[in-house]
Amino acid sequence: MAKNKKTKIEQFVIDKIKEVRTQKGYSQDDIALFLETTRGFIGQVESPNHSSKYNLNHINKLAVELNCSPKDFLPDFPFQEEV
């Protein structure tokens, strides 16, 4: 079984962005356009088998495009990462 290459908080943010994007009817192509990147990058971000992830600038830009707060993509409480 492949080990997830993302931390719990990284995966939370990715899942939350994917949830909001699908609720609002946006595709991976739309998100790639907003972030001025490729659909392939968005696919890698959404895949647990790749280490690609969103950075703070991505999160801010997506909040603008999706008409929400960057806080909407973050958990209410911190995650305890296993060492």
PDB file of N, CA and C in Angstrom:
ATOM      1  N   MET A   1       0.843  -1.176   0.000  1.00  0.00           N
ATOM      2  CA  MET A   1       0.000   0.000   0.000  1.00  0.00           C
ATOM      3  C   MET A   1       0.889   1.240   0.000  1.00  0.00           C
ATOM      4  N   ALA A   2       0.571   2.197  -0.872  1.00  0.00           N
ATOM      5  CA  ALA A   2       1.377   3.412  -0.983  1.00  0.00           C
ATOM      6  C   ALA A   2       1.133   4.329   0.215  1.00  0.00           C
ATOM      7  N   LYS A   3       2.224   4.867   0.714  1.00  0.00           N
ATOM      8  CA  LYS A   3       2.131   5.802   1.828  1.00  0.00           C
ATOM      9  C   LYS A   3       1.719   7.167   1.291  1.00  0.00           C
ATOM     10  N   ASN A   4       0.791   7.826   1.984  1.00  0.00           N
ATOM     11  CA  ASN A   4       0.376   9.151   1.591  1.00  0.00           C
ATOM     12  C   ASN A   4       1.573  10.092   1.686  1.00  0.00           C
ATOM     13  N   LYS A   5       1.826  10.860   0.645  1.00  0.00           N
ATOM     14  CA  LYS A   5       2.984  11.748   0.597  1.00  0.00           C
ATOM     15  C   LYS A   5       2.665  13.144   1.105  1.00  0.00           C
ATOM     16  N   LYS A   6       1.500  13.294   1.716  1.00  0.00           N
ATOM     17  CA  LYS A   6       1.092  14.591   2.229  1.00  0.00           C
ATOM     18  C   LYS A   6       0.791  14.480   3.719  1.00  0.00           C
ATOM     19  N   THR A   7       1.008  15.569   4.448  1.00  0.00           N
ATOM     20  CA  THR A   7       0.664  15.572   5.865  1.00  0.00           C
ATOM     21  C   THR A   7      -0.857  15.655   6.007  1.00  0.00           C
ATOM     22  N   LYS A   8      -1.333  15.435   7.221  1.00  0.00           N
ATOM     23  CA  LYS A   8      -2.774  15.484   7.465  1.00  0.00           C
ATOM     24  C   LYS A   8      -3.363  16.847   7.121  1.00  0.00           C
ATOM     25  N   ILE A   9      -2.667  17.908   7.501  1.00  0.00           N
ATOM     26  CA  ILE A   9      -3.205  19.246   7.220  1.00  0.00           C
ATOM     27  C   ILE A   9      -3.152  19.556   5.720  1.00  0.00           C
ATOM     28  N   GLU A  10      -2.113  19.119   5.040  1.00  0.00           N
ATOM     29  CA  GLU A  10      -2.049  19.320   3.592  1.00  0.00           C
ATOM     30  C   GLU A  10      -3.201  18.609   2.905  1.00  0.00           C
ATOM     31  N   GLN A  11      -3.474  17.366   3.316  1.00  0.00           N
ATOM     32  CA  GLN A  11      -4.558  16.607   2.706  1.00  0.00           C
ATOM     33  C   GLN A  11      -5.912  17.226   3.038  1.00  0.00           C
ATOM     34  N   PHE A  12      -6.065  17.749   4.247  1.00  0.00           N
ATOM     35  CA  PHE A  12      -7.308  18.426   4.634  1.00  0.00           C
ATOM     36  C   PHE A  12      -7.576  19.610   3.710  1.00  0.00           C
ATOM     37  N   VAL A  13      -6.556  20.444   3.504  1.00  0.00           N
ATOM     38  CA  VAL A  13      -6.704  21.625   2.648  1.00  0.00           C
ATOM     39  C   VAL A  13      -7.064  21.207   1.223  1.00  0.00           C
ATOM     40  N   ILE A  14      -6.374  20.218   0.705  1.00  0.00           N
ATOM     41  CA  ILE A  14      -6.640  19.729  -0.650  1.00  0.00           C
ATOM     42  C   ILE A  14      -8.075  19.218  -0.758  1.00  0.00           C
ATOM     43  N   ASP A  15      -8.509  18.419   0.210  1.00  0.00           N
ATOM     44  CA  ASP A  15      -9.867  17.872   0.191  1.00  0.00           C
ATOM     45  C   ASP A  15     -10.909  18.983   0.287  1.00  0.00           C
ATOM     46  N   LYS A  16     -10.634  19.992   1.107  1.00  0.00           N
ATOM     47  CA  LYS A  16     -11.578  21.093   1.281  1.00  0.00           C
ATOM     48  C   LYS A  16     -11.689  21.911  -0.004  1.00  0.00           C
ATOM     49  N   ILE A  17     -10.560  22.185  -0.639  1.00  0.00           N
ATOM     50  CA  ILE A  17     -10.586  22.919  -1.906  1.00  0.00           C
ATOM     51  C   ILE A  17     -11.335  22.116  -2.966  1.00  0.00           C
ATOM     52  N   LYS A  18     -11.092  20.816  -3.017  1.00  0.00           N
ATOM     53  CA  LYS A  18     -11.795  19.969  -3.985  1.00  0.00           C
ATOM     54  C   LYS A  18     -13.296  19.976  -3.709  1.00  0.00           C
ATOM     55  N   GLU A  19     -13.672  19.917  -2.445  1.00  0.00           N
ATOM     56  CA  GLU A  19     -15.091  19.945  -2.065  1.00  0.00           C
ATOM     57  C   GLU A  19     -15.755  21.248  -2.522  1.00  0.00           C
ATOM     58  N   VAL A  20     -15.109  22.365  -2.252  1.00  0.00           N
ATOM     59  CA  VAL A  20     -15.668  23.671  -2.645  1.00  0.00           C
ATOM     60  C   VAL A  20     -15.717  23.787  -4.163  1.00  0.00           C
ATOM     61  N   ARG A  21     -14.656  23.343  -4.833  1.00  0.00           N
ATOM     62  CA  ARG A  21     -14.628  23.440  -6.294  1.00  0.00           C
ATOM     63  C   ARG A  21     -15.755  22.626  -6.930  1.00  0.00           C
ATOM     64  N   THR A  22     -16.003  21.425  -6.418  1.00  0.00           N
ATOM     65  CA  THR A  22     -17.072  20.606  -6.996  1.00  0.00           C
ATOM     66  C   THR A  22     -18.453  21.162  -6.641  1.00  0.00           C
ATOM     67  N   GLN A  23     -18.613  21.675  -5.435  1.00  0.00           N
ATOM     68  CA  GLN A  23     -19.890  22.293  -5.058  1.00  0.00           C
ATOM     69  C   GLN A  23     -20.228  23.477  -5.959  1.00  0.00           C
ATOM     70  N   LYS A  24     -19.207  24.215  -6.360  1.00  0.00           N
ATOM     71  CA  LYS A  24     -19.418  25.396  -7.192  1.00  0.00           C
ATOM     72  C   LYS A  24     -19.371  25.063  -8.682  1.00  0.00           C
ATOM     73  N   GLY A  25     -19.157  23.788  -9.002  1.00  0.00           N
ATOM     74  CA  GLY A  25     -19.187  23.349 -10.395  1.00  0.00           C
ATOM     75  C   GLY A  25     -17.931  23.643 -11.197  1.00  0.00           C
ATOM     76  N   TYR A  26     -16.797  23.802 -10.523  1.00  0.00           N
ATOM     77  CA  TYR A  26     -15.538  24.057 -11.222  1.00  0.00           C
ATOM     78  C   TYR A  26     -14.784  22.750 -11.456  1.00  0.00           C
ATOM     79  N   SER A  27     -14.103  22.685 -12.584  1.00  0.00           N
ATOM     80  CA  SER A  27     -13.291  21.519 -12.931  1.00  0.00           C
ATOM     81  C   SER A  27     -11.842  21.747 -12.506  1.00  0.00           C
ATOM     82  N   GLN A  28     -11.042  20.699 -12.635  1.00  0.00           N
ATOM     83  CA  GLN A  28      -9.601  20.853 -12.405  1.00  0.00           C
ATOM     84  C   GLN A  28      -9.015  21.853 -13.392  1.00  0.00           C
ATOM     85  N   ASP A  29      -9.543  21.869 -14.613  1.00  0.00           N
ATOM     86  CA  ASP A  29      -9.078  22.834 -15.611  1.00  0.00           C
ATOM     87  C   ASP A  29      -9.333  24.272 -15.160  1.00  0.00           C
ATOM     88  N   ASP A  30     -10.503  24.505 -14.564  1.00  0.00           N
ATOM     89  CA  ASP A  30     -10.825  25.845 -14.068  1.00  0.00           C
ATOM     90  C   ASP A  30      -9.844  26.266 -12.975  1.00  0.00           C
ATOM     91  N   ILE A  31      -9.564  25.356 -12.042  1.00  0.00           N
ATOM     92  CA  ILE A  31      -8.640  25.669 -10.952  1.00  0.00           C
ATOM     93  C   ILE A  31      -7.243  25.940 -11.517  1.00  0.00           C
ATOM     94  N   ALA A  32      -6.832  25.150 -12.490  1.00  0.00           N
ATOM     95  CA  ALA A  32      -5.531  25.366 -13.135  1.00  0.00           C
ATOM     96  C   ALA A  32      -5.481  26.747 -13.786  1.00  0.00           C
ATOM     97  N   LEU A  33      -6.553  27.146 -14.423  1.00  0.00           N
ATOM     98  CA  LEU A  33      -6.614  28.466 -15.047  1.00  0.00           C
ATOM     99  C   LEU A  33      -6.502  29.568 -13.991  1.00  0.00           C
ATOM    100  N   PHE A  34      -7.243  29.430 -12.886  1.00  0.00           N
ATOM    101  CA  PHE A  34      -7.175  30.417 -11.800  1.00  0.00           C
ATOM    102  C   PHE A  34      -5.747  30.555 -11.267  1.00  0.00           C
ATOM    103  N   LEU A  35      -5.051  29.431 -11.140  1.00  0.00           N
ATOM    104  CA  LEU A  35      -3.718  29.423 -10.544  1.00  0.00           C
ATOM    105  C   LEU A  35      -2.589  29.593 -11.567  1.00  0.00           C
ATOM    106  N   GLU A  36      -2.971  29.722 -12.840  1.00  0.00           N
ATOM    107  CA  GLU A  36      -1.995  29.858 -13.918  1.00  0.00           C
ATOM    108  C   GLU A  36      -1.000  28.699 -13.908  1.00  0.00           C
ATOM    109  N   THR A  37      -1.562  27.503 -13.817  1.00  0.00           N
ATOM    110  CA  THR A  37      -0.756  26.281 -13.820  1.00  0.00           C
ATOM    111  C   THR A  37      -1.432  25.281 -14.756  1.00  0.00           C
ATOM    112  N   THR A  38      -1.071  24.022 -14.686  1.00  0.00           N
ATOM    113  CA  THR A  38      -1.643  23.023 -15.585  1.00  0.00           C
ATOM    114  C   THR A  38      -2.655  22.142 -14.858  1.00  0.00           C
ATOM    115  N   ARG A  39      -3.528  21.530 -15.647  1.00  0.00           N
ATOM    116  CA  ARG A  39      -4.483  20.581 -15.093  1.00  0.00           C
ATOM    117  C   ARG A  39      -3.739  19.401 -14.486  1.00  0.00           C
ATOM    118  N   GLY A  40      -2.606  19.040 -15.090  1.00  0.00           N
ATOM    119  CA  GLY A  40      -1.784  17.948 -14.567  1.00  0.00           C
ATOM    120  C   GLY A  40      -1.317  18.226 -13.147  1.00  0.00           C
ATOM    121  N   PHE A  41      -0.943  19.485 -12.878  1.00  0.00           N
ATOM    122  CA  PHE A  41      -0.525  19.847 -11.521  1.00  0.00           C
ATOM    123  C   PHE A  41      -1.684  19.673 -10.549  1.00  0.00           C
ATOM    124  N   ILE A  42      -2.871  20.119 -10.932  1.00  0.00           N
ATOM    125  CA  ILE A  42      -4.037  20.002 -10.052  1.00  0.00           C
ATOM    126  C   ILE A  42      -4.337  18.522  -9.812  1.00  0.00           C
ATOM    127  N   GLY A  43      -4.222  17.702 -10.850  1.00  0.00           N
ATOM    128  CA  GLY A  43      -4.410  16.262 -10.693  1.00  0.00           C
ATOM    129  C   GLY A  43      -3.410  15.660  -9.719  1.00  0.00           C
ATOM    130  N   GLN A  44      -2.168  16.104  -9.793  1.00  0.00           N
ATOM    131  CA  GLN A  44      -1.147  15.618  -8.857  1.00  0.00           C
ATOM    132  C   GLN A  44      -1.444  16.076  -7.435  1.00  0.00           C
ATOM    133  N   VAL A  45      -1.894  17.318  -7.289  1.00  0.00           N
ATOM    134  CA  VAL A  45      -2.248  17.821  -5.955  1.00  0.00           C
ATOM    135  C   VAL A  45      -3.362  16.967  -5.361  1.00  0.00           C
ATOM    136  N   GLU A  46      -4.367  16.641  -6.157  1.00  0.00           N
ATOM    137  CA  GLU A  46      -5.520  15.898  -5.650  1.00  0.00           C
ATOM    138  C   GLU A  46      -5.239  14.401  -5.499  1.00  0.00           C
ATOM    139  N   SER A  47      -4.108  13.930  -5.979  1.00  0.00           N
ATOM    140  CA  SER A  47      -3.738  12.523  -5.853  1.00  0.00           C
ATOM    141  C   SER A  47      -2.875  12.307  -4.609  1.00  0.00           C
ATOM    142  N   PRO A  48      -3.229  11.329  -3.762  1.00  0.00           N
ATOM    143  CA  PRO A  48      -2.400  11.055  -2.583  1.00  0.00           C
ATOM    144  C   PRO A  48      -1.049  10.427  -2.937  1.00  0.00           C
ATOM    145  N   ASN A  49      -0.887  10.008  -4.183  1.00  0.00           N
ATOM    146  CA  ASN A  49       0.362   9.352  -4.593  1.00  0.00           C
ATOM    147  C   ASN A  49       1.447  10.325  -5.041  1.00  0.00           C
ATOM    148  N   HIS A  50       1.138  11.606  -5.069  1.00  0.00           N
ATOM    149  CA  HIS A  50       2.104  12.631  -5.465  1.00  0.00           C
ATOM    150  C   HIS A  50       2.329  13.593  -4.315  1.00  0.00           C
ATOM    151  N   SER A  51       3.507  14.172  -4.286  1.00  0.00           N
ATOM    152  CA  SER A  51       3.833  15.100  -3.198  1.00  0.00           C
ATOM    153  C   SER A  51       3.416  16.538  -3.500  1.00  0.00           C
ATOM    154  N   SER A  52       2.887  16.796  -4.703  1.00  0.00           N
ATOM    155  CA  SER A  52       2.462  18.158  -5.055  1.00  0.00           C
ATOM    156  C   SER A  52       1.346  18.616  -4.130  1.00  0.00           C
ATOM    157  N   LYS A  53       1.382  19.901  -3.791  1.00  0.00           N
ATOM    158  CA  LYS A  53       0.371  20.458  -2.892  1.00  0.00           C
ATOM    159  C   LYS A  53       0.211  21.945  -3.154  1.00  0.00           C
ATOM    160  N   TYR A  54      -0.860  22.511  -2.603  1.00  0.00           N
ATOM    161  CA  TYR A  54      -1.093  23.948  -2.715  1.00  0.00           C
ATOM    162  C   TYR A  54      -0.206  24.686  -1.722  1.00  0.00           C
ATOM    163  N   ASN A  55       0.246  25.880  -2.111  1.00  0.00           N
ATOM    164  CA  ASN A  55       0.972  26.727  -1.169  1.00  0.00           C
ATOM    165  C   ASN A  55       0.043  27.862  -0.721  1.00  0.00           C
ATOM    166  N   LEU A  56       0.519  28.717   0.149  1.00  0.00           N
ATOM    167  CA  LEU A  56      -0.324  29.797   0.670  1.00  0.00           C
ATOM    168  C   LEU A  56      -0.790  30.748  -0.423  1.00  0.00           C
ATOM    169  N   ASN A  57       0.037  30.997  -1.406  1.00  0.00           N
ATOM    170  CA  ASN A  57      -0.378  31.861  -2.514  1.00  0.00           C
ATOM    171  C   ASN A  57      -1.509  31.224  -3.315  1.00  0.00           C
ATOM    172  N   HIS A  58      -1.429  29.920  -3.539  1.00  0.00           N
ATOM    173  CA  HIS A  58      -2.515  29.203  -4.215  1.00  0.00           C
ATOM    174  C   HIS A  58      -3.808  29.338  -3.418  1.00  0.00           C
ATOM    175  N   ILE A  59      -3.715  29.104  -2.112  1.00  0.00           N
ATOM    176  CA  ILE A  59      -4.897  29.153  -1.247  1.00  0.00           C
ATOM    177  C   ILE A  59      -5.529  30.540  -1.292  1.00  0.00           C
ATOM    178  N   ASN A  60      -4.709  31.574  -1.243  1.00  0.00           N
ATOM    179  CA  ASN A  60      -5.228  32.938  -1.296  1.00  0.00           C
ATOM    180  C   ASN A  60      -5.909  33.215  -2.633  1.00  0.00           C
ATOM    181  N   LYS A  61      -5.253  32.823  -3.721  1.00  0.00           N
ATOM    182  CA  LYS A  61      -5.803  33.059  -5.055  1.00  0.00           C
ATOM    183  C   LYS A  61      -7.116  32.294  -5.238  1.00  0.00           C
ATOM    184  N   LEU A  62      -7.174  31.063  -4.739  1.00  0.00           N
ATOM    185  CA  LEU A  62      -8.409  30.282  -4.858  1.00  0.00           C
ATOM    186  C   LEU A  62      -9.533  30.893  -4.025  1.00  0.00           C
ATOM    187  N   ALA A  63      -9.202  31.437  -2.873  1.00  0.00           N
ATOM    188  CA  ALA A  63     -10.215  32.093  -2.043  1.00  0.00           C
ATOM    189  C   ALA A  63     -10.825  33.281  -2.799  1.00  0.00           C
ATOM    190  N   VAL A  64      -9.987  34.033  -3.494  1.00  0.00           N
ATOM    191  CA  VAL A  64     -10.487  35.154  -4.301  1.00  0.00           C
ATOM    192  C   VAL A  64     -11.411  34.631  -5.402  1.00  0.00           C
ATOM    193  N   GLU A  65     -10.943  33.643  -6.146  1.00  0.00           N
ATOM    194  CA  GLU A  65     -11.705  33.117  -7.287  1.00  0.00           C
ATOM    195  C   GLU A  65     -12.985  32.398  -6.868  1.00  0.00           C
ATOM    196  N   LEU A  66     -12.948  31.722  -5.725  1.00  0.00           N
ATOM    197  CA  LEU A  66     -14.106  30.959  -5.259  1.00  0.00           C
ATOM    198  C   LEU A  66     -14.985  31.768  -4.304  1.00  0.00           C
ATOM    199  N   ASN A  67     -14.624  33.043  -4.130  1.00  0.00           N
ATOM    200  CA  ASN A  67     -15.417  33.977  -3.328  1.00  0.00           C
ATOM    201  C   ASN A  67     -15.631  33.483  -1.898  1.00  0.00           C
ATOM    202  N   CYS A  68     -14.525  33.187  -1.236  1.00  0.00           N
ATOM    203  CA  CYS A  68     -14.589  32.751   0.150  1.00  0.00           C
ATOM    204  C   CYS A  68     -13.334  33.226   0.878  1.00  0.00           C
ATOM    205  N   SER A  69     -13.190  32.843   2.114  1.00  0.00           N
ATOM    206  CA  SER A  69     -12.013  33.206   2.892  1.00  0.00           C
ATOM    207  C   SER A  69     -10.973  32.091   2.814  1.00  0.00           C
ATOM    208  N   PRO A  70      -9.686  32.423   2.851  1.00  0.00           N
ATOM    209  CA  PRO A  70      -8.677  31.367   2.922  1.00  0.00           C
ATOM    210  C   PRO A  70      -8.903  30.466   4.135  1.00  0.00           C
ATOM    211  N   LYS A  71      -9.481  31.020   5.208  1.00  0.00           N
ATOM    212  CA  LYS A  71      -9.764  30.225   6.414  1.00  0.00           C
ATOM    213  C   LYS A  71     -10.747  29.092   6.131  1.00  0.00           C
ATOM    214  N   ASP A  72     -11.571  29.245   5.084  1.00  0.00           N
ATOM    215  CA  ASP A  72     -12.537  28.198   4.749  1.00  0.00           C
ATOM    216  C   ASP A  72     -11.866  26.899   4.322  1.00  0.00           C
ATOM    217  N   PHE A  73     -10.596  26.972   3.963  1.00  0.00           N
ATOM    218  CA  PHE A  73      -9.855  25.783   3.527  1.00  0.00           C
ATOM    219  C   PHE A  73      -9.029  25.155   4.646  1.00  0.00           C
ATOM    220  N   LEU A  74      -9.055  25.761   5.824  1.00  0.00           N
ATOM    221  CA  LEU A  74      -8.232  25.286   6.936  1.00  0.00           C
ATOM    222  C   LEU A  74      -9.086  24.645   8.022  1.00  0.00           C
ATOM    223  N   PRO A  75      -8.513  23.703   8.787  1.00  0.00           N
ATOM    224  CA  PRO A  75      -9.270  23.059   9.872  1.00  0.00           C
ATOM    225  C   PRO A  75      -9.470  24.020  11.042  1.00  0.00           C
ATOM    226  N   ASP A  76     -10.477  23.732  11.853  1.00  0.00           N
ATOM    227  CA  ASP A  76     -10.740  24.542  13.047  1.00  0.00           C
ATOM    228  C   ASP A  76      -9.703  24.298  14.135  1.00  0.00           C
ATOM    229  N   PHE A  77      -9.137  23.093  14.138  1.00  0.00           N
ATOM    230  CA  PHE A  77      -8.165  22.726  15.162  1.00  0.00           C
ATOM    231  C   PHE A  77      -6.942  22.105  14.504  1.00  0.00           C
ATOM    232  N   PRO A  78      -5.786  22.213  15.141  1.00  0.00           N
ATOM    233  CA  PRO A  78      -4.559  21.636  14.561  1.00  0.00           C
ATOM    234  C   PRO A  78      -4.593  20.112  14.563  1.00  0.00           C
ATOM    235  N   PHE A  79      -3.823  19.548  13.640  1.00  0.00           N
ATOM    236  CA  PHE A  79      -3.657  18.095  13.586  1.00  0.00           C
ATOM    237  C   PHE A  79      -2.418  17.697  14.368  1.00  0.00           C
ATOM    238  N   GLN A  80      -2.503  16.589  15.054  1.00  0.00           N
ATOM    239  CA  GLN A  80      -1.333  16.014  15.713  1.00  0.00           C
ATOM    240  C   GLN A  80      -0.716  15.043  14.714  1.00  0.00           C
ATOM    241  N   GLU A  81       0.434  15.396  14.159  1.00  0.00           N
ATOM    242  CA  GLU A  81       1.097  14.536  13.186  1.00  0.00           C
ATOM    243  C   GLU A  81       1.852  13.422  13.913  1.00  0.00           C
ATOM    244  N   GLU A  82       1.779  12.224  13.350  1.00  0.00           N
ATOM    245  CA  GLU A  82       2.535  11.111  13.901  1.00  0.00           C
ATOM    246  C   GLU A  82       3.986  11.237  13.442  1.00  0.00           C
ATOM    247  N   VAL A  83       4.905  10.909  14.323  1.00  0.00           N
ATOM    248  CA  VAL A  83       6.322  11.037  13.996  1.00  0.00           C
ATOM    249  C   VAL A  83       6.861   9.724  13.476  1.00  0.00           C
TER     250      VAL A  83
END
